[in-house]
Amino acid sequence: MEEVIVTQERSSIGIIPMHKKTLIALGLKKKGQSKKHKMTPQLKGMLRQVGYLLKVEKV
């Protein structure tokens, strides 16, 4: 499985509550924070949902 680094680029203030929960599930709480994840179908769905807040880089 390929790995990706997910970085939160936009603030979570004022976004849909479900999207905020998705960010927390990704391990992101603050703007500028990054986490490494393995690409899975579940992760792809999460990234599609909140992609407007994130930057995704392949490792």
Protein backbone atom coordinates (compact mmCIF):
# COMPACT_ATOMS: atom_id res chain seq x y z
CA MET A 1 0.00 0.00 0.00
CA GLU A 2 1.22 3.45 -0.79
CA GLU A 3 1.56 6.01 1.96
CA VAL A 4 0.45 9.63 1.86
CA ILE A 5 1.09 12.67 4.03
CA VAL A 6 -2.08 14.64 4.73
CA THR A 7 -1.67 18.29 5.78
CA GLN A 8 -4.49 20.55 6.94
CA GLU A 9 -4.16 23.81 5.01
CA ARG A 10 -7.40 25.59 5.94
CA SER A 11 -9.00 26.25 9.30
CA SER A 12 -11.86 24.09 10.51
CA ILE A 13 -13.77 27.09 11.92
CA GLY A 14 -17.23 27.37 10.41
CA ILE A 15 -17.21 24.10 8.47
CA ILE A 16 -19.91 21.43 8.49
CA PRO A 17 -19.79 19.50 11.82
CA MET A 18 -19.48 16.14 9.98
CA HIS A 19 -16.41 17.44 8.14
CA LYS A 20 -14.87 18.52 11.45
CA LYS A 21 -15.34 14.98 12.78
CA THR A 22 -13.68 13.61 9.65
CA LEU A 23 -10.65 15.85 10.26
CA ILE A 24 -10.41 14.58 13.83
CA ALA A 25 -10.63 10.98 12.56
CA LEU A 26 -7.70 11.78 10.24
CA GLY A 27 -5.76 13.00 13.29
CA LEU A 28 -5.82 16.67 12.29
CA LYS A 29 -6.85 19.33 14.78
CA LYS A 30 -4.93 22.47 13.79
CA LYS A 31 -4.06 24.27 10.59
CA GLY A 32 -0.62 23.18 9.37
CA GLN A 33 -0.72 19.83 11.15
CA SER A 34 0.38 16.72 9.16
CA LYS A 35 -0.13 12.97 9.51
CA LYS A 36 1.08 9.96 7.54
CA HIS A 37 -1.54 7.40 6.46
CA LYS A 38 -1.71 4.28 4.30
CA MET A 39 -4.00 4.73 1.30
CA THR A 40 -7.15 2.63 1.74
CA PRO A 41 -10.65 2.91 0.26
CA GLN A 42 -11.85 4.39 3.57
CA LEU A 43 -9.11 7.03 3.53
CA LYS A 44 -9.89 7.92 -0.10
CA GLY A 45 -13.50 8.62 0.88
CA MET A 46 -12.42 10.80 3.80
CA LEU A 47 -10.02 12.75 1.60
CA ARG A 48 -12.73 13.26 -1.01
CA GLN A 49 -15.09 14.63 1.66
CA VAL A 50 -12.70 17.18 3.19
CA GLY A 51 -10.25 17.59 0.31
CA TYR A 52 -10.98 21.32 0.13
CA LEU A 53 -9.24 21.72 3.51
CA LEU A 54 -6.22 19.49 2.85
CA LYS A 55 -3.05 18.98 0.86
CA VAL A 56 -2.15 15.35 0.06
CA GLU A 57 1.40 14.27 -0.90
CA LYS A 58 2.60 10.80 -1.87
CA VAL A 59 5.59 9.52 0.11
